[in-house]
Amino acid sequence: MDTNEIVRTQFNMFKCSYCKLIFTTAEKLMNHQEIYTKIHIKICRDCEKTFKRQTHLNRHLLTHYGIKNKICPDCGLRFSRNDALCIHK
């Protein structure tokens, strides 16, 4: 995305030109706008599931490789993702 295309609000916020959401940084806006401008280009080599963002693929890969470094402080149960730990609590 060209910086000339970034829409700033009067409070130095950054507005998405597709859905009008507002972000605090240009980087957050550009990451968000990937969902509108890119197709599913990230593919899991293990199961062929597709993702729009590399960060989502990286998070997904944890489920394949059994890396469970999120530990419940109450019972010691281990999870690969923070969201799963939060649901458990």
N, C-alpha and C. Protein backbone atom coordinates (compact mmCIF):
# COMPACT_ATOMS: atom_id res chain seq x y z
N MET A 1 0.85 -1.18 0.00
CA MET A 1 0.00 0.00 0.00
C MET A 1 0.89 1.24 0.00
N ASP A 2 0.61 2.17 -0.85
CA ASP A 2 1.34 3.43 -0.93
C ASP A 2 0.89 4.32 0.22
N THR A 3 1.86 5.00 0.87
CA THR A 3 1.50 5.85 2.00
C THR A 3 0.57 6.98 1.59
N ASN A 4 0.54 7.34 0.31
CA ASN A 4 -0.38 8.37 -0.16
C ASN A 4 -1.83 7.92 -0.08
N GLU A 5 -2.06 6.59 -0.03
CA GLU A 5 -3.41 6.05 0.01
C GLU A 5 -3.96 5.97 1.43
N ILE A 6 -3.13 6.20 2.42
CA ILE A 6 -3.57 6.10 3.81
C ILE A 6 -4.43 7.31 4.15
N VAL A 7 -5.62 7.03 4.69
CA VAL A 7 -6.54 8.10 5.06
C VAL A 7 -6.38 8.38 6.55
N ARG A 8 -5.97 9.59 6.89
CA ARG A 8 -5.82 9.97 8.29
C ARG A 8 -7.06 10.74 8.74
N THR A 9 -7.44 10.51 9.98
CA THR A 9 -8.54 11.28 10.56
C THR A 9 -7.95 12.51 11.23
N GLN A 10 -8.81 13.38 11.75
CA GLN A 10 -8.33 14.60 12.38
C GLN A 10 -7.54 14.34 13.66
N PHE A 11 -7.64 13.16 14.25
CA PHE A 11 -6.93 12.82 15.48
C PHE A 11 -5.73 11.91 15.21
N ASN A 12 -5.18 11.97 13.98
CA ASN A 12 -4.01 11.20 13.59
C ASN A 12 -4.26 9.70 13.68
N MET A 13 -5.47 9.28 13.36
CA MET A 13 -5.82 7.87 13.29
C MET A 13 -5.86 7.49 11.82
N PHE A 14 -5.93 6.21 11.52
CA PHE A 14 -5.87 5.73 10.15
C PHE A 14 -7.13 4.94 9.83
N LYS A 15 -7.85 5.38 8.81
CA LYS A 15 -9.15 4.81 8.47
C LYS A 15 -9.03 3.87 7.28
N CYS A 16 -9.65 2.70 7.39
CA CYS A 16 -9.68 1.73 6.30
C CYS A 16 -10.61 2.27 5.20
N SER A 17 -10.10 2.29 3.99
CA SER A 17 -10.92 2.79 2.88
C SER A 17 -11.95 1.77 2.40
N TYR A 18 -11.86 0.54 2.90
CA TYR A 18 -12.82 -0.49 2.52
C TYR A 18 -14.00 -0.58 3.47
N CYS A 19 -13.71 -0.59 4.78
CA CYS A 19 -14.79 -0.82 5.75
C CYS A 19 -14.93 0.31 6.77
N LYS A 20 -14.07 1.29 6.72
CA LYS A 20 -14.12 2.48 7.59
C LYS A 20 -13.72 2.23 9.04
N LEU A 21 -13.13 1.06 9.36
CA LEU A 21 -12.56 0.87 10.69
C LEU A 21 -11.40 1.83 10.86
N ILE A 22 -11.11 2.21 12.10
CA ILE A 22 -10.05 3.17 12.37
C ILE A 22 -8.96 2.50 13.22
N PHE A 23 -7.69 2.79 12.86
CA PHE A 23 -6.55 2.18 13.53
C PHE A 23 -5.61 3.26 14.05
N THR A 24 -4.83 2.90 15.07
CA THR A 24 -3.93 3.87 15.69
C THR A 24 -2.61 4.02 14.95
N THR A 25 -2.24 3.04 14.13
CA THR A 25 -1.00 3.14 13.37
C THR A 25 -1.24 2.73 11.92
N ALA A 26 -0.38 3.23 11.04
CA ALA A 26 -0.46 2.85 9.63
C ALA A 26 -0.17 1.38 9.45
N GLU A 27 0.73 0.83 10.26
CA GLU A 27 1.06 -0.59 10.16
C GLU A 27 -0.15 -1.47 10.47
N LYS A 28 -0.90 -1.12 11.51
CA LYS A 28 -2.10 -1.89 11.85
C LYS A 28 -3.13 -1.81 10.73
N LEU A 29 -3.25 -0.64 10.14
CA LEU A 29 -4.17 -0.47 9.02
C LEU A 29 -3.76 -1.34 7.84
N MET A 30 -2.48 -1.33 7.50
CA MET A 30 -2.02 -2.12 6.36
C MET A 30 -2.20 -3.61 6.60
N ASN A 31 -1.94 -4.06 7.83
CA ASN A 31 -2.18 -5.47 8.16
C ASN A 31 -3.66 -5.82 7.99
N HIS A 32 -4.53 -4.95 8.45
CA HIS A 32 -5.97 -5.15 8.32
C HIS A 32 -6.39 -5.20 6.86
N GLN A 33 -5.88 -4.29 6.05
CA GLN A 33 -6.31 -4.20 4.66
C GLN A 33 -5.86 -5.38 3.81
N GLU A 34 -4.95 -6.19 4.32
CA GLU A 34 -4.56 -7.40 3.59
C GLU A 34 -5.77 -8.31 3.34
N ILE A 35 -6.75 -8.29 4.24
CA ILE A 35 -7.91 -9.16 4.05
C ILE A 35 -8.73 -8.76 2.84
N TYR A 36 -8.59 -7.51 2.39
CA TYR A 36 -9.33 -7.04 1.23
C TYR A 36 -8.52 -7.12 -0.06
N THR A 37 -7.20 -7.10 0.05
CA THR A 37 -6.37 -6.98 -1.13
C THR A 37 -5.62 -8.24 -1.53
N LYS A 38 -5.55 -9.23 -0.66
CA LYS A 38 -4.80 -10.45 -0.97
C LYS A 38 -5.73 -11.66 -0.92
N ILE A 39 -5.41 -12.64 -1.74
CA ILE A 39 -6.16 -13.89 -1.70
C ILE A 39 -5.49 -14.82 -0.69
N HIS A 40 -6.08 -15.98 -0.47
CA HIS A 40 -5.49 -16.97 0.43
C HIS A 40 -4.17 -17.45 -0.16
N ILE A 41 -3.07 -16.89 0.31
CA ILE A 41 -1.79 -17.24 -0.27
C ILE A 41 -0.90 -18.04 0.66
N LYS A 42 -1.24 -18.16 1.91
CA LYS A 42 -0.45 -18.92 2.86
C LYS A 42 -1.07 -20.30 3.01
N ILE A 43 -0.31 -21.34 2.74
CA ILE A 43 -0.84 -22.70 2.75
C ILE A 43 -0.05 -23.55 3.73
N CYS A 44 -0.78 -24.26 4.58
CA CYS A 44 -0.15 -25.18 5.53
C CYS A 44 0.37 -26.39 4.76
N ARG A 45 1.65 -26.72 4.94
CA ARG A 45 2.24 -27.86 4.24
C ARG A 45 1.74 -29.19 4.79
N ASP A 46 1.21 -29.19 6.00
CA ASP A 46 0.76 -30.44 6.62
C ASP A 46 -0.67 -30.81 6.24
N CYS A 47 -1.56 -29.81 6.13
CA CYS A 47 -2.97 -30.13 5.88
C CYS A 47 -3.57 -29.34 4.73
N GLU A 48 -2.79 -28.45 4.11
CA GLU A 48 -3.21 -27.65 2.97
C GLU A 48 -4.30 -26.62 3.28
N LYS A 49 -4.53 -26.34 4.54
CA LYS A 49 -5.45 -25.27 4.92
C LYS A 49 -4.83 -23.95 4.49
N THR A 50 -5.66 -23.01 4.05
CA THR A 50 -5.14 -21.73 3.56
C THR A 50 -5.44 -20.59 4.53
N PHE A 51 -4.58 -19.60 4.51
CA PHE A 51 -4.68 -18.45 5.39
C PHE A 51 -4.36 -17.18 4.62
N LYS A 52 -4.96 -16.09 5.03
CA LYS A 52 -4.68 -14.80 4.40
C LYS A 52 -3.46 -14.13 5.01
N ARG A 53 -3.11 -14.48 6.22
CA ARG A 53 -1.99 -13.84 6.91
C ARG A 53 -0.99 -14.88 7.40
N GLN A 54 0.28 -14.52 7.32
CA GLN A 54 1.34 -15.41 7.80
C GLN A 54 1.21 -15.67 9.29
N THR A 55 0.81 -14.66 10.05
CA THR A 55 0.69 -14.85 11.50
C THR A 55 -0.38 -15.89 11.84
N HIS A 56 -1.43 -15.95 11.04
CA HIS A 56 -2.47 -16.95 11.28
C HIS A 56 -1.96 -18.35 10.94
N LEU A 57 -1.18 -18.46 9.88
CA LEU A 57 -0.57 -19.76 9.54
C LEU A 57 0.38 -20.18 10.66
N ASN A 58 1.20 -19.28 11.14
CA ASN A 58 2.14 -19.61 12.21
C ASN A 58 1.42 -20.12 13.45
N ARG A 59 0.32 -19.46 13.80
CA ARG A 59 -0.48 -19.89 14.96
C ARG A 59 -1.07 -21.27 14.71
N HIS A 60 -1.55 -21.51 13.49
CA HIS A 60 -2.12 -22.80 13.13
C HIS A 60 -1.08 -23.92 13.22
N LEU A 61 0.14 -23.64 12.80
CA LEU A 61 1.19 -24.67 12.80
C LEU A 61 1.46 -25.22 14.18
N LEU A 62 1.23 -24.43 15.21
CA LEU A 62 1.43 -24.92 16.58
C LEU A 62 0.57 -26.14 16.86
N THR A 63 -0.60 -26.22 16.24
CA THR A 63 -1.49 -27.35 16.49
C THR A 63 -0.93 -28.63 15.88
N HIS A 64 -0.15 -28.53 14.81
CA HIS A 64 0.44 -29.71 14.18
C HIS A 64 1.67 -30.21 14.91
N TYR A 65 2.46 -29.30 15.44
CA TYR A 65 3.76 -29.68 15.99
C TYR A 65 3.73 -29.95 17.48
N GLY A 66 2.59 -29.83 18.11
CA GLY A 66 2.45 -30.20 19.51
C GLY A 66 3.18 -29.30 20.48
N ILE A 67 3.51 -28.09 20.07
CA ILE A 67 4.17 -27.15 20.96
C ILE A 67 3.11 -26.56 21.88
N LYS A 68 3.20 -26.90 23.15
CA LYS A 68 2.20 -26.43 24.11
C LYS A 68 2.92 -25.70 25.23
N ASN A 69 3.23 -24.44 24.98
CA ASN A 69 3.98 -23.67 25.97
C ASN A 69 3.11 -22.70 26.76
N LYS A 70 1.80 -22.78 26.62
CA LYS A 70 0.87 -21.98 27.42
C LYS A 70 0.32 -22.88 28.52
N ILE A 71 0.61 -22.55 29.77
CA ILE A 71 0.29 -23.43 30.90
C ILE A 71 -0.73 -22.77 31.82
N CYS A 72 -1.77 -23.51 32.15
CA CYS A 72 -2.77 -23.03 33.09
C CYS A 72 -2.14 -22.95 34.48
N PRO A 73 -2.18 -21.77 35.11
CA PRO A 73 -1.57 -21.64 36.44
C PRO A 73 -2.34 -22.39 37.54
N ASP A 74 -3.59 -22.74 37.26
CA ASP A 74 -4.41 -23.42 38.26
C ASP A 74 -4.23 -24.93 38.26
N CYS A 75 -4.20 -25.54 37.07
CA CYS A 75 -4.17 -27.00 37.02
C CYS A 75 -2.96 -27.58 36.26
N GLY A 76 -2.19 -26.72 35.59
CA GLY A 76 -1.01 -27.19 34.88
C GLY A 76 -1.26 -27.73 33.49
N LEU A 77 -2.51 -27.73 33.04
CA LEU A 77 -2.83 -28.20 31.69
C LEU A 77 -2.14 -27.28 30.68
N ARG A 78 -1.62 -27.88 29.60
CA ARG A 78 -0.84 -27.12 28.62
C ARG A 78 -1.64 -26.93 27.33
N PHE A 79 -1.43 -25.77 26.69
CA PHE A 79 -2.11 -25.44 25.44
C PHE A 79 -1.10 -24.86 24.45
N SER A 80 -1.43 -24.97 23.18
CA SER A 80 -0.56 -24.42 22.15
C SER A 80 -0.90 -22.96 21.85
N ARG A 81 -2.10 -22.53 22.21
CA ARG A 81 -2.53 -21.16 21.88
C ARG A 81 -3.12 -20.47 23.11
N ASN A 82 -2.90 -19.15 23.18
CA ASN A 82 -3.44 -18.36 24.29
C ASN A 82 -4.95 -18.39 24.32
N ASP A 83 -5.60 -18.35 23.15
CA ASP A 83 -7.06 -18.33 23.14
C ASP A 83 -7.63 -19.62 23.74
N ALA A 84 -6.98 -20.74 23.50
CA ALA A 84 -7.44 -22.01 24.08
C ALA A 84 -7.27 -22.00 25.59
N LEU A 85 -6.17 -21.43 26.07
CA LEU A 85 -5.95 -21.32 27.52
C LEU A 85 -7.02 -20.43 28.15
N CYS A 86 -7.33 -19.31 27.51
CA CYS A 86 -8.36 -18.40 28.05
C CYS A 86 -9.73 -19.06 28.09
N ILE A 87 -10.06 -19.84 27.09
CA ILE A 87 -11.36 -20.56 27.08
C ILE A 87 -11.39 -21.57 28.20
N HIS A 88 -10.26 -22.23 28.45
CA HIS A 88 -10.15 -23.24 29.50
C HIS A 88 -10.42 -22.63 30.88
N LYS A 89 -9.88 -21.43 31.10
CA LYS A 89 -10.03 -20.77 32.40
C LYS A 89 -11.49 -20.47 32.65
